[in-house]
C-alpha atoms as a PDB file:
ATOM      1  CA  UNK A   1      15.224  -3.284  -4.367  1.00  0.00           C
ATOM      2  CA  UNK A   2      14.927  -4.850  -0.928  1.00  0.00           C
ATOM      3  CA  UNK A   3      14.326  -2.953   2.302  1.00  0.00           C
ATOM      4  CA  UNK A   4      14.590  -4.999   5.482  1.00  0.00           C
ATOM      5  CA  UNK A   5      12.301  -4.161   8.383  1.00  0.00           C
ATOM      6  CA  UNK A   6      12.380  -5.546  11.927  1.00  0.00           C
ATOM      7  CA  UNK A   7      11.273  -9.162  12.345  1.00  0.00           C
ATOM      8  CA  UNK A   8      12.451 -10.052   8.838  1.00  0.00           C
ATOM      9  CA  UNK A   9       9.477  -8.388   7.169  1.00  0.00           C
ATOM     10  CA  UNK A  10      10.472  -7.366   3.655  1.00  0.00           C
ATOM     11  CA  UNK A  11       9.144  -4.844   1.194  1.00  0.00           C
ATOM     12  CA  UNK A  12      10.149  -5.429  -2.400  1.00  0.00           C
ATOM     13  CA  UNK A  13       9.657  -3.175  -5.357  1.00  0.00           C
ATOM     14  CA  UNK A  14       9.888  -3.893  -9.035  1.00  0.00           C
ATOM     15  CA  UNK A  15       9.882  -1.006 -11.458  1.00  0.00           C
ATOM     16  CA  UNK A  16       9.316  -0.739 -15.160  1.00  0.00           C
ATOM     17  CA  UNK A  17       8.548   2.271 -17.313  1.00  0.00           C
ATOM     18  CA  UNK A  18       4.781   2.244 -16.671  1.00  0.00           C
ATOM     19  CA  UNK A  19       4.042   1.027 -13.170  1.00  0.00           C
ATOM     20  CA  UNK A  20       5.466   0.014  -9.849  1.00  0.00           C
ATOM     21  CA  UNK A  21       4.312  -3.082  -7.984  1.00  0.00           C
ATOM     22  CA  UNK A  22       5.243  -3.481  -4.349  1.00  0.00           C
ATOM     23  CA  UNK A  23       5.018  -6.827  -2.534  1.00  0.00           C
ATOM     24  CA  UNK A  24       4.346  -6.874   1.195  1.00  0.00           C
ATOM     25  CA  UNK A  25       4.675  -8.094   3.929  1.00  0.00           C
ATOM     26  CA  UNK A  26       6.545 -11.388   3.596  1.00  0.00           C
ATOM     27  CA  UNK A  27       9.761 -12.060   1.700  1.00  0.00           C
ATOM     28  CA  UNK A  28       8.304 -15.257   0.251  1.00  0.00           C
ATOM     29  CA  UNK A  29       5.059 -13.652  -0.986  1.00  0.00           C
ATOM     30  CA  UNK A  30       5.228 -15.604  -4.273  1.00  0.00           C
ATOM     31  CA  UNK A  31       4.535 -18.824  -2.343  1.00  0.00           C
ATOM     32  CA  UNK A  32       1.304 -17.434  -0.843  1.00  0.00           C
ATOM     33  CA  UNK A  33      -2.110 -16.399  -2.110  1.00  0.00           C
ATOM     34  CA  UNK A  34      -2.012 -12.688  -2.977  1.00  0.00           C
ATOM     35  CA  UNK A  35      -4.226  -9.853  -4.152  1.00  0.00           C
ATOM     36  CA  UNK A  36      -3.488  -6.451  -5.670  1.00  0.00           C
ATOM     37  CA  UNK A  37      -4.416  -3.183  -3.999  1.00  0.00           C
ATOM     38  CA  UNK A  38      -4.461  -0.253  -6.433  1.00  0.00           C
ATOM     39  CA  UNK A  39      -4.347   3.169  -4.767  1.00  0.00           C
ATOM     40  CA  UNK A  40      -5.094   6.216  -6.909  1.00  0.00           C
ATOM     41  CA  UNK A  41      -4.132   9.486  -5.252  1.00  0.00           C
ATOM     42  CA  UNK A  42      -5.968  12.511  -6.668  1.00  0.00           C
ATOM     43  CA  UNK A  43      -4.694  14.802  -3.928  1.00  0.00           C
ATOM     44  CA  UNK A  44      -1.881  17.379  -4.104  1.00  0.00           C
ATOM     45  CA  UNK A  45       0.269  15.610  -1.493  1.00  0.00           C
ATOM     46  CA  UNK A  46       1.740  12.100  -1.086  1.00  0.00           C
ATOM     47  CA  UNK A  47       0.125   9.610   1.328  1.00  0.00           C
ATOM     48  CA  UNK A  48       1.432   6.593   3.240  1.00  0.00           C
ATOM     49  CA  UNK A  49      -0.896   3.573   3.243  1.00  0.00           C
ATOM     50  CA  UNK A  50      -1.354   1.453   6.388  1.00  0.00           C
ATOM     51  CA  UNK A  51      -3.438  -1.726   6.591  1.00  0.00           C
ATOM     52  CA  UNK A  52      -4.044  -3.378   9.949  1.00  0.00           C
ATOM     53  CA  UNK A  53      -1.313  -1.203  11.444  1.00  0.00           C
ATOM     54  CA  UNK A  54       1.268  -2.321   8.837  1.00  0.00           C
ATOM     55  CA  UNK A  55       2.951   0.269   6.623  1.00  0.00           C
ATOM     56  CA  UNK A  56       2.282  -0.841   3.049  1.00  0.00           C
ATOM     57  CA  UNK A  57       3.935   1.966   1.087  1.00  0.00           C
ATOM     58  CA  UNK A  58       3.641   5.489  -0.245  1.00  0.00           C
ATOM     59  CA  UNK A  59       1.550   6.888  -3.082  1.00  0.00           C
ATOM     60  CA  UNK A  60       2.850  10.095  -4.715  1.00  0.00           C
ATOM     61  CA  UNK A  61       0.721  13.183  -5.275  1.00  0.00           C
ATOM     62  CA  UNK A  62      -1.550  12.761  -8.317  1.00  0.00           C
ATOM     63  CA  UNK A  63      -0.133   9.261  -8.685  1.00  0.00           C
ATOM     64  CA  UNK A  64      -1.079   5.607  -8.627  1.00  0.00           C
ATOM     65  CA  UNK A  65       0.596   2.606  -6.997  1.00  0.00           C
ATOM     66  CA  UNK A  66      -0.150  -1.111  -7.119  1.00  0.00           C
ATOM     67  CA  UNK A  67       0.665  -3.160  -4.037  1.00  0.00           C
ATOM     68  CA  UNK A  68       0.813  -6.954  -4.235  1.00  0.00           C
ATOM     69  CA  UNK A  69      -0.303  -8.129  -0.789  1.00  0.00           C
ATOM     70  CA  UNK A  70      -0.702 -11.414   0.991  1.00  0.00           C
ATOM     71  CA  UNK A  71      -4.386 -12.309   1.492  1.00  0.00           C
ATOM     72  CA  UNK A  72      -3.819 -12.149   5.262  1.00  0.00           C
ATOM     73  CA  UNK A  73      -3.298  -8.348   4.987  1.00  0.00           C
ATOM     74  CA  UNK A  74      -6.700  -6.725   5.505  1.00  0.00           C
ATOM     75  CA  UNK A  75      -8.742  -4.789   8.063  1.00  0.00           C
ATOM     76  CA  UNK A  76      -8.871  -1.255   9.407  1.00  0.00           C
ATOM     77  CA  UNK A  77      -6.740   0.940   7.186  1.00  0.00           C
ATOM     78  CA  UNK A  78      -5.672   4.520   6.693  1.00  0.00           C
ATOM     79  CA  UNK A  79      -3.947   6.832   4.273  1.00  0.00           C
ATOM     80  CA  UNK A  80      -1.820   9.425   6.102  1.00  0.00           C
ATOM     81  CA  UNK A  81      -0.677  12.639   4.446  1.00  0.00           C
ATOM     82  CA  UNK A  82       3.129  12.857   4.255  1.00  0.00           C
ATOM     83  CA  UNK A  83       3.611  16.612   3.739  1.00  0.00           C
ATOM     84  CA  UNK A  84       1.762  19.782   2.765  1.00  0.00           C
ATOM     85  CA  UNK A  85      -0.096  20.180   6.053  1.00  0.00           C
ATOM     86  CA  UNK A  86       0.173  23.006   8.544  1.00  0.00           C
ATOM     87  CA  UNK A  87      -0.587  21.459  11.953  1.00  0.00           C
ATOM     88  CA  UNK A  88      -1.626  17.831  11.519  1.00  0.00           C
ATOM     89  CA  UNK A  89      -1.620  15.422   8.582  1.00  0.00           C
ATOM     90  CA  UNK A  90      -4.902  14.527   6.932  1.00  0.00           C
ATOM     91  CA  UNK A  91      -5.840  10.904   7.678  1.00  0.00           C
ATOM     92  CA  UNK A  92      -8.335   9.033   5.521  1.00  0.00           C
ATOM     93  CA  UNK A  93      -9.709   5.911   7.190  1.00  0.00           C
ATOM     94  CA  UNK A  94     -11.084   2.991   5.200  1.00  0.00           C
ATOM     95  CA  UNK A  95     -11.629  -0.752   5.504  1.00  0.00           C
ATOM     96  CA  UNK A  96      -9.930  -3.383   3.361  1.00  0.00           C
ATOM     97  CA  UNK A  97     -12.154  -6.482   3.381  1.00  0.00           C
ATOM     98  CA  UNK A  98     -10.655  -9.953   3.354  1.00  0.00           C
ATOM     99  CA  UNK A  99      -9.568 -10.811  -0.213  1.00  0.00           C
ATOM    100  CA  UNK A 100      -9.105 -14.002  -2.191  1.00  0.00           C
ATOM    101  CA  UNK A 101      -6.121 -15.039  -4.300  1.00  0.00           C
ATOM    102  CA  UNK A 102      -5.934 -12.988  -7.509  1.00  0.00           C
ATOM    103  CA  UNK A 103      -8.422 -10.292  -6.450  1.00  0.00           C
ATOM    104  CA  UNK A 104      -7.852  -6.623  -7.298  1.00  0.00           C
ATOM    105  CA  UNK A 105      -9.145  -3.859  -5.059  1.00  0.00           C
ATOM    106  CA  UNK A 106      -9.023  -0.148  -6.014  1.00  0.00           C
ATOM    107  CA  UNK A 107      -8.993   2.682  -3.487  1.00  0.00           C
ATOM    108  CA  UNK A 108      -9.227   6.320  -4.640  1.00  0.00           C
ATOM    109  CA  UNK A 109      -7.976   9.175  -2.444  1.00  0.00           C
ATOM    110  CA  UNK A 110     -10.141  12.167  -3.384  1.00  0.00           C
END
């Protein structure tokens, strides 16, 4: 599935019966060094993940997503609650350090 964003930035998703891997932010991510960000959501609501101001994707409630990212995607990050809030969404801030090709980083939303 391909979703086209402004400036030709693409988000691709591949699904199988056990996991979903999302590649971001470039259409030609297979030609670049990449790392995997695993986000485990232990909360009762879904969260959208942003890294360096870029929307990476959504993690469902009590779910887990793996995002295949270019190594140039790192920095100040946040997980923003999608629904289930009364006045304002909960925002969890975190830092994604610079990664090397093939690295795997796990982030747990508790």
